[in-house]
């Protein structure tokens, strides 16, 4: 690694705090906070989902990337629910790269059988 350059870390964050899709595209945050109605609408329009359940924002864990089939089935059935059961910080933000949108769910979130 050369000075000023950081590794591409597919599906997670690198040491510079850059977030990457599973195929290595570098994401940029476009919306800092989004509600459950907008999450569902984004997924129904083709957004993918990343999830981290500890509420760290992804900097301390590796986000999970549910399959697009499961994500779209969940969106067809209902909105996600921010439960607050464990008391962890819970929110969602939206990231993008070259036409791909990612809804990043954090903390105490359930969404049908997708996130239980």
PDB file of N, CA and C in Angstrom:
ATOM      1  N   UNK A   1       0.852  -1.170   0.000  1.00  0.00           N
ATOM      2  CA  UNK A   1       0.000   0.000   0.000  1.00  0.00           C
ATOM      3  C   UNK A   1       0.899   1.235   0.000  1.00  0.00           C
ATOM      4  N   UNK A   2       0.611   2.187  -0.875  1.00  0.00           N
ATOM      5  CA  UNK A   2       1.410   3.402  -0.935  1.00  0.00           C
ATOM      6  C   UNK A   2       0.825   4.463  -0.031  1.00  0.00           C
ATOM      7  N   UNK A   3       1.652   5.443   0.310  1.00  0.00           N
ATOM      8  CA  UNK A   3       1.227   6.523   1.192  1.00  0.00           C
ATOM      9  C   UNK A   3      -0.003   7.216   0.605  1.00  0.00           C
ATOM     10  N   UNK A   4      -1.040   7.402   1.446  1.00  0.00           N
ATOM     11  CA  UNK A   4      -2.243   8.089   1.019  1.00  0.00           C
ATOM     12  C   UNK A   4      -3.264   7.197   0.335  1.00  0.00           C
ATOM     13  N   UNK A   5      -2.920   5.931   0.093  1.00  0.00           N
ATOM     14  CA  UNK A   5      -3.850   5.006  -0.549  1.00  0.00           C
ATOM     15  C   UNK A   5      -4.274   3.962   0.480  1.00  0.00           C
ATOM     16  N   UNK A   6      -5.517   3.590   0.392  1.00  0.00           N
ATOM     17  CA  UNK A   6      -6.042   2.604   1.325  1.00  0.00           C
ATOM     18  C   UNK A   6      -6.613   1.425   0.547  1.00  0.00           C
ATOM     19  N   UNK A   7      -6.584   0.277   1.160  1.00  0.00           N
ATOM     20  CA  UNK A   7      -7.042  -0.952   0.508  1.00  0.00           C
ATOM     21  C   UNK A   7      -8.538  -0.911   0.224  1.00  0.00           C
ATOM     22  N   UNK A   8      -8.923  -1.524  -0.880  1.00  0.00           N
ATOM     23  CA  UNK A   8     -10.324  -1.779  -1.175  1.00  0.00           C
ATOM     24  C   UNK A   8     -10.726  -2.978  -0.331  1.00  0.00           C
ATOM     25  N   UNK A   9     -11.798  -2.841   0.429  1.00  0.00           N
ATOM     26  CA  UNK A   9     -12.267  -3.920   1.306  1.00  0.00           C
ATOM     27  C   UNK A   9     -13.696  -4.284   0.908  1.00  0.00           C
ATOM     28  N   UNK A  10     -13.879  -5.166  -0.068  1.00  0.00           N
ATOM     29  CA  UNK A  10     -15.219  -5.499  -0.554  1.00  0.00           C
ATOM     30  C   UNK A  10     -16.192  -5.882   0.565  1.00  0.00           C
ATOM     31  N   UNK A  11     -17.354  -5.220   0.562  1.00  0.00           N
ATOM     32  CA  UNK A  11     -18.410  -5.524   1.514  1.00  0.00           C
ATOM     33  C   UNK A  11     -18.273  -4.900   2.878  1.00  0.00           C
ATOM     34  N   UNK A  12     -17.223  -4.119   3.093  1.00  0.00           N
ATOM     35  CA  UNK A  12     -17.006  -3.532   4.417  1.00  0.00           C
ATOM     36  C   UNK A  12     -16.247  -2.211   4.290  1.00  0.00           C
ATOM     37  N   UNK A  13     -15.708  -1.731   5.395  1.00  0.00           N
ATOM     38  CA  UNK A  13     -14.978  -0.471   5.449  1.00  0.00           C
ATOM     39  C   UNK A  13     -13.472  -0.717   5.493  1.00  0.00           C
ATOM     40  N   UNK A  14     -12.706   0.212   4.915  1.00  0.00           N
ATOM     41  CA  UNK A  14     -11.256   0.139   5.058  1.00  0.00           C
ATOM     42  C   UNK A  14     -10.811   1.057   6.196  1.00  0.00           C
ATOM     43  N   UNK A  15      -9.525   1.170   6.414  1.00  0.00           N
ATOM     44  CA  UNK A  15      -9.000   1.969   7.523  1.00  0.00           C
ATOM     45  C   UNK A  15      -9.275   3.461   7.372  1.00  0.00           C
ATOM     46  N   UNK A  16      -9.545   3.916   6.150  1.00  0.00           N
ATOM     47  CA  UNK A  16      -9.872   5.329   5.916  1.00  0.00           C
ATOM     48  C   UNK A  16     -11.357   5.606   6.109  1.00  0.00           C
ATOM     49  N   UNK A  17     -12.155   4.573   6.437  1.00  0.00           N
ATOM     50  CA  UNK A  17     -13.588   4.745   6.624  1.00  0.00           C
ATOM     51  C   UNK A  17     -14.387   4.707   5.332  1.00  0.00           C
ATOM     52  N   UNK A  18     -13.752   4.283   4.240  1.00  0.00           N
ATOM     53  CA  UNK A  18     -14.451   4.160   2.967  1.00  0.00           C
ATOM     54  C   UNK A  18     -15.237   2.849   2.967  1.00  0.00           C
ATOM     55  N   UNK A  19     -16.472   2.896   2.463  1.00  0.00           N
ATOM     56  CA  UNK A  19     -17.383   1.760   2.456  1.00  0.00           C
ATOM     57  C   UNK A  19     -17.481   1.219   1.028  1.00  0.00           C
ATOM     58  N   UNK A  20     -17.444  -0.108   0.892  1.00  0.00           N
ATOM     59  CA  UNK A  20     -17.418  -0.752  -0.413  1.00  0.00           C
ATOM     60  C   UNK A  20     -18.541  -1.771  -0.568  1.00  0.00           C
ATOM     61  N   UNK A  21     -19.057  -1.894  -1.790  1.00  0.00           N
ATOM     62  CA  UNK A  21     -20.012  -2.952  -2.110  1.00  0.00           C
ATOM     63  C   UNK A  21     -19.262  -4.285  -2.092  1.00  0.00           C
ATOM     64  N   UNK A  22     -19.989  -5.406  -2.082  1.00  0.00           N
ATOM     65  CA  UNK A  22     -19.316  -6.703  -2.121  1.00  0.00           C
ATOM     66  C   UNK A  22     -18.426  -6.908  -3.346  1.00  0.00           C
ATOM     67  N   UNK A  23     -18.714  -6.193  -4.442  1.00  0.00           N
ATOM     68  CA  UNK A  23     -17.849  -6.330  -5.625  1.00  0.00           C
ATOM     69  C   UNK A  23     -16.768  -5.254  -5.696  1.00  0.00           C
ATOM     70  N   UNK A  24     -16.608  -4.466  -4.621  1.00  0.00           N
ATOM     71  CA  UNK A  24     -15.492  -3.531  -4.525  1.00  0.00           C
ATOM     72  C   UNK A  24     -15.761  -2.102  -4.959  1.00  0.00           C
ATOM     73  N   UNK A  25     -17.003  -1.749  -5.289  1.00  0.00           N
ATOM     74  CA  UNK A  25     -17.318  -0.363  -5.643  1.00  0.00           C
ATOM     75  C   UNK A  25     -17.314   0.521  -4.408  1.00  0.00           C
ATOM     76  N   UNK A  26     -16.647   1.668  -4.485  1.00  0.00           N
ATOM     77  CA  UNK A  26     -16.576   2.559  -3.319  1.00  0.00           C
ATOM     78  C   UNK A  26     -17.838   3.411  -3.220  1.00  0.00           C
ATOM     79  N   UNK A  27     -18.551   3.239  -2.132  1.00  0.00           N
ATOM     80  CA  UNK A  27     -19.807   3.932  -1.894  1.00  0.00           C
ATOM     81  C   UNK A  27     -19.589   5.308  -1.287  1.00  0.00           C
ATOM     82  N   UNK A  28     -20.513   6.212  -1.560  1.00  0.00           N
ATOM     83  CA  UNK A  28     -20.552   7.539  -0.944  1.00  0.00           C
ATOM     84  C   UNK A  28     -21.902   7.679  -0.252  1.00  0.00           C
ATOM     85  N   UNK A  29     -21.902   8.229   0.965  1.00  0.00           N
ATOM     86  CA  UNK A  29     -23.167   8.437   1.665  1.00  0.00           C
ATOM     87  C   UNK A  29     -23.927   9.566   0.982  1.00  0.00           C
ATOM     88  N   UNK A  30     -25.230   9.319   0.684  1.00  0.00           N
ATOM     89  CA  UNK A  30     -26.044  10.340   0.032  1.00  0.00           C
ATOM     90  C   UNK A  30     -27.180  10.839   0.919  1.00  0.00           C
ATOM     91  N   UNK A  31     -27.620  10.028   1.879  1.00  0.00           N
ATOM     92  CA  UNK A  31     -28.643  10.441   2.833  1.00  0.00           C
ATOM     93  C   UNK A  31     -28.228   9.918   4.200  1.00  0.00           C
ATOM     94  N   UNK A  32     -28.151  10.816   5.189  1.00  0.00           N
ATOM     95  CA  UNK A  32     -27.658  10.423   6.502  1.00  0.00           C
ATOM     96  C   UNK A  32     -28.688   9.703   7.364  1.00  0.00           C
ATOM     97  N   UNK A  33     -29.964   9.929   7.132  1.00  0.00           N
ATOM     98  CA  UNK A  33     -30.983   9.281   7.947  1.00  0.00           C
ATOM     99  C   UNK A  33     -32.229   9.117   7.090  1.00  0.00           C
ATOM    100  N   UNK A  34     -32.788   7.925   7.089  1.00  0.00           N
ATOM    101  CA  UNK A  34     -33.955   7.648   6.253  1.00  0.00           C
ATOM    102  C   UNK A  34     -34.955   6.832   7.065  1.00  0.00           C
ATOM    103  N   UNK A  35     -36.252   7.111   6.874  1.00  0.00           N
ATOM    104  CA  UNK A  35     -37.270   6.404   7.653  1.00  0.00           C
ATOM    105  C   UNK A  35     -37.699   5.110   6.959  1.00  0.00           C
ATOM    106  N   UNK A  36     -38.492   4.320   7.668  1.00  0.00           N
ATOM    107  CA  UNK A  36     -38.841   2.985   7.180  1.00  0.00           C
ATOM    108  C   UNK A  36     -39.669   3.020   5.897  1.00  0.00           C
ATOM    109  N   UNK A  37     -40.503   4.033   5.724  1.00  0.00           N
ATOM    110  CA  UNK A  37     -41.287   4.140   4.499  1.00  0.00           C
ATOM    111  C   UNK A  37     -40.380   4.353   3.299  1.00  0.00           C
ATOM    112  N   UNK A  38     -39.387   5.224   3.451  1.00  0.00           N
ATOM    113  CA  UNK A  38     -38.449   5.484   2.359  1.00  0.00           C
ATOM    114  C   UNK A  38     -37.540   4.279   2.112  1.00  0.00           C
ATOM    115  N   UNK A  39     -37.161   3.565   3.170  1.00  0.00           N
ATOM    116  CA  UNK A  39     -36.349   2.346   3.000  1.00  0.00           C
ATOM    117  C   UNK A  39     -37.079   1.368   2.087  1.00  0.00           C
ATOM    118  N   UNK A  40     -38.324   1.116   2.407  1.00  0.00           N
ATOM    119  CA  UNK A  40     -39.108   0.174   1.605  1.00  0.00           C
ATOM    120  C   UNK A  40     -39.227   0.661   0.162  1.00  0.00           C
ATOM    121  N   UNK A  41     -39.490   1.943  -0.022  1.00  0.00           N
ATOM    122  CA  UNK A  41     -39.624   2.496  -1.374  1.00  0.00           C
ATOM    123  C   UNK A  41     -38.317   2.362  -2.153  1.00  0.00           C
ATOM    124  N   UNK A  42     -37.193   2.637  -1.513  1.00  0.00           N
ATOM    125  CA  UNK A  42     -35.895   2.514  -2.178  1.00  0.00           C
ATOM    126  C   UNK A  42     -35.629   1.075  -2.623  1.00  0.00           C
ATOM    127  N   UNK A  43     -35.917   0.130  -1.751  1.00  0.00           N
ATOM    128  CA  UNK A  43     -35.684  -1.278  -2.085  1.00  0.00           C
ATOM    129  C   UNK A  43     -36.623  -1.713  -3.204  1.00  0.00           C
ATOM    130  N   UNK A  44     -37.850  -1.253  -3.168  1.00  0.00           N
ATOM    131  CA  UNK A  44     -38.796  -1.610  -4.241  1.00  0.00           C
ATOM    132  C   UNK A  44     -38.353  -1.032  -5.582  1.00  0.00           C
ATOM    133  N   UNK A  45     -37.551   0.048  -5.537  1.00  0.00           N
ATOM    134  CA  UNK A  45     -37.005   0.629  -6.769  1.00  0.00           C
ATOM    135  C   UNK A  45     -35.638   0.054  -7.121  1.00  0.00           C
ATOM    136  N   UNK A  46     -35.171  -0.961  -6.382  1.00  0.00           N
ATOM    137  CA  UNK A  46     -33.944  -1.648  -6.766  1.00  0.00           C
ATOM    138  C   UNK A  46     -32.747  -1.488  -5.856  1.00  0.00           C
ATOM    139  N   UNK A  47     -32.873  -0.767  -4.757  1.00  0.00           N
ATOM    140  CA  UNK A  47     -31.737  -0.627  -3.833  1.00  0.00           C
ATOM    141  C   UNK A  47     -31.406  -1.972  -3.187  1.00  0.00           C
ATOM    142  N   UNK A  48     -30.147  -2.171  -2.892  1.00  0.00           N
ATOM    143  CA  UNK A  48     -29.715  -3.343  -2.140  1.00  0.00           C
ATOM    144  C   UNK A  48     -29.652  -2.963  -0.663  1.00  0.00           C
ATOM    145  N   UNK A  49     -29.408  -3.951   0.192  1.00  0.00           N
ATOM    146  CA  UNK A  49     -29.385  -3.724   1.634  1.00  0.00           C
ATOM    147  C   UNK A  49     -28.105  -4.284   2.235  1.00  0.00           C
ATOM    148  N   UNK A  50     -27.523  -3.492   3.119  1.00  0.00           N
ATOM    149  CA  UNK A  50     -26.450  -3.948   3.996  1.00  0.00           C
ATOM    150  C   UNK A  50     -26.972  -3.793   5.421  1.00  0.00           C
ATOM    151  N   UNK A  51     -26.479  -4.618   6.340  1.00  0.00           N
ATOM    152  CA  UNK A  51     -26.984  -4.596   7.707  1.00  0.00           C
ATOM    153  C   UNK A  51     -25.864  -4.872   8.698  1.00  0.00           C
ATOM    154  N   UNK A  52     -25.864  -4.105   9.775  1.00  0.00           N
ATOM    155  CA  UNK A  52     -25.003  -4.403  10.922  1.00  0.00           C
ATOM    156  C   UNK A  52     -25.853  -4.234  12.168  1.00  0.00           C
ATOM    157  N   UNK A  53     -25.920  -5.262  12.984  1.00  0.00           N
ATOM    158  CA  UNK A  53     -26.838  -5.278  14.111  1.00  0.00           C
ATOM    159  C   UNK A  53     -26.321  -4.719  15.410  1.00  0.00           C
ATOM    160  N   UNK A  54     -25.038  -4.379  15.493  1.00  0.00           N
ATOM    161  CA  UNK A  54     -24.512  -3.915  16.778  1.00  0.00           C
ATOM    162  C   UNK A  54     -24.657  -2.409  16.969  1.00  0.00           C
ATOM    163  N   UNK A  55     -24.989  -1.677  15.909  1.00  0.00           N
ATOM    164  CA  UNK A  55     -25.168  -0.233  16.021  1.00  0.00           C
ATOM    165  C   UNK A  55     -23.872   0.555  15.975  1.00  0.00           C
ATOM    166  N   UNK A  56     -22.793  -0.063  15.501  1.00  0.00           N
ATOM    167  CA  UNK A  56     -21.489   0.616  15.454  1.00  0.00           C
ATOM    168  C   UNK A  56     -21.341   1.487  14.204  1.00  0.00           C
ATOM    169  N   UNK A  57     -22.259   1.355  13.258  1.00  0.00           N
ATOM    170  CA  UNK A  57     -22.149   2.094  12.005  1.00  0.00           C
ATOM    171  C   UNK A  57     -21.325   1.373  10.960  1.00  0.00           C
ATOM    172  N   UNK A  58     -20.865   0.171  11.276  1.00  0.00           N
ATOM    173  CA  UNK A  58     -20.083  -0.613  10.333  1.00  0.00           C
ATOM    174  C   UNK A  58     -18.588  -0.501  10.523  1.00  0.00           C
ATOM    175  N   UNK A  59     -18.152   0.393  11.367  1.00  0.00           N
ATOM    176  CA  UNK A  59     -16.723   0.554  11.584  1.00  0.00           C
ATOM    177  C   UNK A  59     -16.113  -0.504  12.473  1.00  0.00           C
ATOM    178  N   UNK A  60     -16.940  -1.214  13.232  1.00  0.00           N
ATOM    179  CA  UNK A  60     -16.408  -2.216  14.144  1.00  0.00           C
ATOM    180  C   UNK A  60     -16.820  -3.630  13.809  1.00  0.00           C
ATOM    181  N   UNK A  61     -17.550  -3.804  12.716  1.00  0.00           N
ATOM    182  CA  UNK A  61     -18.004  -5.140  12.340  1.00  0.00           C
ATOM    183  C   UNK A  61     -18.072  -5.225  10.814  1.00  0.00           C
ATOM    184  N   UNK A  62     -18.305  -6.416  10.327  1.00  0.00           N
ATOM    185  CA  UNK A  62     -18.469  -6.607   8.889  1.00  0.00           C
ATOM    186  C   UNK A  62     -19.959  -6.637   8.579  1.00  0.00           C
ATOM    187  N   UNK A  63     -20.444  -5.720   7.760  1.00  0.00           N
ATOM    188  CA  UNK A  63     -21.864  -5.718   7.418  1.00  0.00           C
ATOM    189  C   UNK A  63     -22.273  -6.986   6.677  1.00  0.00           C
ATOM    190  N   UNK A  64     -23.520  -7.413   6.907  1.00  0.00           N
ATOM    191  CA  UNK A  64     -24.115  -8.517   6.157  1.00  0.00           C
ATOM    192  C   UNK A  64     -24.816  -7.929   4.938  1.00  0.00           C
ATOM    193  N   UNK A  65     -24.817  -8.694   3.860  1.00  0.00           N
ATOM    194  CA  UNK A  65     -25.461  -8.286   2.607  1.00  0.00           C
ATOM    195  C   UNK A  65     -26.490  -9.346   2.242  1.00  0.00           C
ATOM    196  N   UNK A  66     -27.741  -9.199   2.707  1.00  0.00           N
ATOM    197  CA  UNK A  66     -28.764 -10.198   2.366  1.00  0.00           C
ATOM    198  C   UNK A  66     -28.952 -10.303   0.852  1.00  0.00           C
ATOM    199  N   UNK A  67     -29.411 -11.452   0.397  1.00  0.00           N
ATOM    200  CA  UNK A  67     -29.595 -11.656  -1.038  1.00  0.00           C
ATOM    201  C   UNK A  67     -30.676 -10.719  -1.579  1.00  0.00           C
ATOM    202  N   UNK A  68     -30.507 -10.246  -2.811  1.00  0.00           N
ATOM    203  CA  UNK A  68     -31.523  -9.373  -3.414  1.00  0.00           C
ATOM    204  C   UNK A  68     -32.910 -10.004  -3.443  1.00  0.00           C
ATOM    205  N   UNK A  69     -32.988 -11.306  -3.645  1.00  0.00           N
ATOM    206  CA  UNK A  69     -34.286 -11.981  -3.660  1.00  0.00           C
ATOM    207  C   UNK A  69     -34.970 -11.847  -2.304  1.00  0.00           C
ATOM    208  N   UNK A  70     -34.224 -12.088  -1.222  1.00  0.00           N
ATOM    209  CA  UNK A  70     -34.784 -11.972   0.125  1.00  0.00           C
ATOM    210  C   UNK A  70     -35.157 -10.531   0.457  1.00  0.00           C
ATOM    211  N   UNK A  71     -34.326  -9.590   0.032  1.00  0.00           N
ATOM    212  CA  UNK A  71     -34.582  -8.172   0.288  1.00  0.00           C
ATOM    213  C   UNK A  71     -35.873  -7.734  -0.400  1.00  0.00           C
ATOM    214  N   UNK A  72     -36.036  -8.101  -1.663  1.00  0.00           N
ATOM    215  CA  UNK A  72     -37.231  -7.696  -2.401  1.00  0.00           C
ATOM    216  C   UNK A  72     -38.488  -8.373  -1.858  1.00  0.00           C
ATOM    217  N   UNK A  73     -38.364  -9.605  -1.398  1.00  0.00           N
ATOM    218  CA  UNK A  73     -39.505 -10.286  -0.774  1.00  0.00           C
ATOM    219  C   UNK A  73     -39.915  -9.573   0.507  1.00  0.00           C
ATOM    220  N   UNK A  74     -38.944  -9.161   1.313  1.00  0.00           N
ATOM    221  CA  UNK A  74     -39.247  -8.434   2.546  1.00  0.00           C
ATOM    222  C   UNK A  74     -39.934  -7.109   2.229  1.00  0.00           C
ATOM    223  N   UNK A  75     -39.430  -6.388   1.226  1.00  0.00           N
ATOM    224  CA  UNK A  75     -40.020  -5.100   0.856  1.00  0.00           C
ATOM    225  C   UNK A  75     -41.421  -5.253   0.294  1.00  0.00           C
ATOM    226  N   UNK A  76     -41.683  -6.359  -0.379  1.00  0.00           N
ATOM    227  CA  UNK A  76     -43.016  -6.590  -0.911  1.00  0.00           C
ATOM    228  C   UNK A  76     -44.028  -6.833   0.209  1.00  0.00           C
ATOM    229  N   UNK A  77     -43.560  -7.381   1.322  1.00  0.00           N
ATOM    230  CA  UNK A  77     -44.456  -7.758   2.410  1.00  0.00           C
ATOM    231  C   UNK A  77     -44.702  -6.642   3.428  1.00  0.00           C
ATOM    232  N   UNK A  78     -43.692  -5.848   3.734  1.00  0.00           N
ATOM    233  CA  UNK A  78     -43.842  -4.880   4.834  1.00  0.00           C
ATOM    234  C   UNK A  78     -42.661  -3.916   4.870  1.00  0.00           C
ATOM    235  N   UNK A  79     -42.783  -2.944   5.757  1.00  0.00           N
ATOM    236  CA  UNK A  79     -41.658  -2.039   6.040  1.00  0.00           C
ATOM    237  C   UNK A  79     -40.793  -2.670   7.119  1.00  0.00           C
ATOM    238  N   UNK A  80     -39.499  -2.302   7.184  1.00  0.00           N
ATOM    239  CA  UNK A  80     -38.683  -2.762   8.309  1.00  0.00           C
ATOM    240  C   UNK A  80     -39.186  -2.095   9.599  1.00  0.00           C
ATOM    241  N   UNK A  81     -38.802  -2.660  10.734  1.00  0.00           N
ATOM    242  CA  UNK A  81     -39.207  -2.118  12.032  1.00  0.00           C
ATOM    243  C   UNK A  81     -37.959  -1.826  12.850  1.00  0.00           C
ATOM    244  N   UNK A  82     -37.848  -0.596  13.346  1.00  0.00           N
ATOM    245  CA  UNK A  82     -36.778  -0.241  14.272  1.00  0.00           C
ATOM    246  C   UNK A  82     -37.301  -0.575  15.667  1.00  0.00           C
ATOM    247  N   UNK A  83     -36.812  -1.691  16.238  1.00  0.00           N
ATOM    248  CA  UNK A  83     -37.418  -2.225  17.458  1.00  0.00           C
ATOM    249  C   UNK A  83     -36.923  -1.587  18.743  1.00  0.00           C
ATOM    250  N   UNK A  84     -35.648  -1.260  18.834  1.00  0.00           N
ATOM    251  CA  UNK A  84     -35.101  -0.728  20.082  1.00  0.00           C
ATOM    252  C   UNK A  84     -35.000  -1.760  21.186  1.00  0.00           C
ATOM    253  N   UNK A  85     -35.150  -3.049  20.846  1.00  0.00           N
ATOM    254  CA  UNK A  85     -35.143  -4.107  21.869  1.00  0.00           C
ATOM    255  C   UNK A  85     -33.842  -4.194  22.640  1.00  0.00           C
ATOM    256  N   UNK A  86     -32.714  -4.073  21.969  1.00  0.00           N
ATOM    257  CA  UNK A  86     -31.417  -4.261  22.614  1.00  0.00           C
ATOM    258  C   UNK A  86     -30.814  -2.950  23.118  1.00  0.00           C
ATOM    259  N   UNK A  87     -31.450  -1.843  22.782  1.00  0.00           N
ATOM    260  CA  UNK A  87     -30.941  -0.551  23.236  1.00  0.00           C
ATOM    261  C   UNK A  87     -29.746  -0.045  22.443  1.00  0.00           C
ATOM    262  N   UNK A  88     -29.459  -0.657  21.287  1.00  0.00           N
ATOM    263  CA  UNK A  88     -28.338  -0.188  20.469  1.00  0.00           C
ATOM    264  C   UNK A  88     -28.795   0.968  19.581  1.00  0.00           C
ATOM    265  N   UNK A  89     -27.882   1.820  19.179  1.00  0.00           N
ATOM    266  CA  UNK A  89     -28.252   2.879  18.232  1.00  0.00           C
ATOM    267  C   UNK A  89     -28.848   2.241  16.976  1.00  0.00           C
ATOM    268  N   UNK A  90     -29.967   2.790  16.497  1.00  0.00           N
ATOM    269  CA  UNK A  90     -30.691   2.199  15.374  1.00  0.00           C
ATOM    270  C   UNK A  90     -31.079   3.287  14.386  1.00  0.00           C
ATOM    271  N   UNK A  91     -30.668   3.100  13.138  1.00  0.00           N
ATOM    272  CA  UNK A  91     -30.979   4.058  12.082  1.00  0.00           C
ATOM    273  C   UNK A  91     -30.677   3.418  10.739  1.00  0.00           C
ATOM    274  N   UNK A  92     -30.962   4.152   9.675  1.00  0.00           N
ATOM    275  CA  UNK A  92     -30.626   3.702   8.324  1.00  0.00           C
ATOM    276  C   UNK A  92     -30.103   4.891   7.543  1.00  0.00           C
ATOM    277  N   UNK A  93     -29.125   4.630   6.689  1.00  0.00           N
ATOM    278  CA  UNK A  93     -28.641   5.665   5.784  1.00  0.00           C
ATOM    279  C   UNK A  93     -28.541   5.076   4.386  1.00  0.00           C
ATOM    280  N   UNK A  94     -28.345   5.940   3.410  1.00  0.00           N
ATOM    281  CA  UNK A  94     -28.310   5.510   2.018  1.00  0.00           C
ATOM    282  C   UNK A  94     -26.965   5.882   1.423  1.00  0.00           C
ATOM    283  N   UNK A  95     -26.385   4.919   0.714  1.00  0.00           N
ATOM    284  CA  UNK A  95     -25.098   5.076   0.066  1.00  0.00           C
ATOM    285  C   UNK A  95     -25.278   4.792  -1.421  1.00  0.00           C
ATOM    286  N   UNK A  96     -24.368   5.280  -2.253  1.00  0.00           N
ATOM    287  CA  UNK A  96     -24.500   5.055  -3.697  1.00  0.00           C
ATOM    288  C   UNK A  96     -23.140   4.998  -4.371  1.00  0.00           C
ATOM    289  N   UNK A  97     -23.124   4.288  -5.502  1.00  0.00           N
ATOM    290  CA  UNK A  97     -21.981   4.255  -6.412  1.00  0.00           C
ATOM    291  C   UNK A  97     -22.521   3.917  -7.798  1.00  0.00           C
ATOM    292  N   UNK A  98     -22.181   4.711  -8.779  1.00  0.00           N
ATOM    293  CA  UNK A  98     -22.500   4.446 -10.187  1.00  0.00           C
ATOM    294  C   UNK A  98     -23.869   3.809 -10.408  1.00  0.00           C
ATOM    295  N   UNK A  99     -24.916   4.455  -9.951  1.00  0.00           N
ATOM    296  CA  UNK A  99     -26.272   3.972 -10.185  1.00  0.00           C
ATOM    297  C   UNK A  99     -26.757   2.917  -9.217  1.00  0.00           C
ATOM    298  N   UNK A 100     -25.908   2.418  -8.345  1.00  0.00           N
ATOM    299  CA  UNK A 100     -26.304   1.443  -7.332  1.00  0.00           C
ATOM    300  C   UNK A 100     -26.580   2.174  -6.027  1.00  0.00           C
ATOM    301  N   UNK A 101     -27.739   1.910  -5.447  1.00  0.00           N
ATOM    302  CA  UNK A 101     -28.076   2.474  -4.136  1.00  0.00           C
ATOM    303  C   UNK A 101     -28.060   1.349  -3.108  1.00  0.00           C
ATOM    304  N   UNK A 102     -27.538   1.669  -1.927  1.00  0.00           N
ATOM    305  CA  UNK A 102     -27.486   0.709  -0.823  1.00  0.00           C
ATOM    306  C   UNK A 102     -28.134   1.350   0.393  1.00  0.00           C
ATOM    307  N   UNK A 103     -29.150   0.684   0.936  1.00  0.00           N
ATOM    308  CA  UNK A 103     -29.734   1.091   2.209  1.00  0.00           C
ATOM    309  C   UNK A 103     -28.959   0.335   3.281  1.00  0.00           C
ATOM    310  N   UNK A 104     -28.306   1.082   4.165  1.00  0.00           N
ATOM    311  CA  UNK A 104     -27.487   0.480   5.218  1.00  0.00           C
ATOM    312  C   UNK A 104     -28.259   0.580   6.522  1.00  0.00           C
ATOM    313  N   UNK A 105     -28.723  -0.567   7.020  1.00  0.00           N
ATOM    314  CA  UNK A 105     -29.503  -0.647   8.250  1.00  0.00           C
ATOM    315  C   UNK A 105     -28.565  -0.917   9.425  1.00  0.00           C
ATOM    316  N   UNK A 106     -28.823  -0.200  10.528  1.00  0.00           N
ATOM    317  CA  UNK A 106     -27.955  -0.308  11.701  1.00  0.00           C
ATOM    318  C   UNK A 106     -28.778  -0.596  12.952  1.00  0.00           C
ATOM    319  N   UNK A 107     -28.291  -1.495  13.784  1.00  0.00           N
ATOM    320  CA  UNK A 107     -28.859  -1.692  15.113  1.00  0.00           C
ATOM    321  C   UNK A 107     -30.040  -2.628  15.178  1.00  0.00           C
ATOM    322  N   UNK A 108     -31.019  -2.247  16.003  1.00  0.00           N
ATOM    323  CA  UNK A 108     -32.181  -3.081  16.313  1.00  0.00           C
ATOM    324  C   UNK A 108     -33.247  -2.967  15.230  1.00  0.00           C
ATOM    325  N   UNK A 109     -33.036  -3.705  14.145  1.00  0.00           N
ATOM    326  CA  UNK A 109     -33.950  -3.674  13.008  1.00  0.00           C
ATOM    327  C   UNK A 109     -34.443  -5.090  12.736  1.00  0.00           C
ATOM    328  N   UNK A 110     -35.745  -5.246  12.537  1.00  0.00           N
ATOM    329  CA  UNK A 110     -36.307  -6.488  12.054  1.00  0.00           C
ATOM    330  C   UNK A 110     -37.035  -6.181  10.756  1.00  0.00           C
ATOM    331  N   UNK A 111     -37.109  -7.193   9.891  1.00  0.00           N
ATOM    332  CA  UNK A 111     -37.813  -7.005   8.626  1.00  0.00           C
ATOM    333  C   UNK A 111     -38.250  -8.377   8.137  1.00  0.00           C
ATOM    334  N   UNK A 112     -39.419  -8.802   8.590  1.00  0.00           N
ATOM    335  CA  UNK A 112     -39.934 -10.121   8.246  1.00  0.00           C
ATOM    336  C   UNK A 112     -38.907 -11.188   8.566  1.00  0.00           C
ATOM    337  N   UNK A 113     -38.744 -12.144   7.662  1.00  0.00           N
ATOM    338  CA  UNK A 113     -37.748 -13.192   7.876  1.00  0.00           C
ATOM    339  C   UNK A 113     -36.351 -12.765   7.420  1.00  0.00           C
ATOM    340  N   UNK A 114     -36.247 -11.590   6.776  1.00  0.00           N
ATOM    341  CA  UNK A 114     -34.951 -11.094   6.322  1.00  0.00           C
ATOM    342  C   UNK A 114     -34.041 -10.777   7.514  1.00  0.00           C
ATOM    343  N   UNK A 115     -34.569 -10.014   8.450  1.00  0.00           N
ATOM    344  CA  UNK A 115     -33.829  -9.638   9.666  1.00  0.00           C
ATOM    345  C   UNK A 115     -34.725  -9.932  10.847  1.00  0.00           C
ATOM    346  N   UNK A 116     -34.397 -10.976  11.587  1.00  0.00           N
ATOM    347  CA  UNK A 116     -35.226 -11.352  12.733  1.00  0.00           C
ATOM    348  C   UNK A 116     -34.498 -11.094  14.021  1.00  0.00           C
TER     349      UNK A 116
END
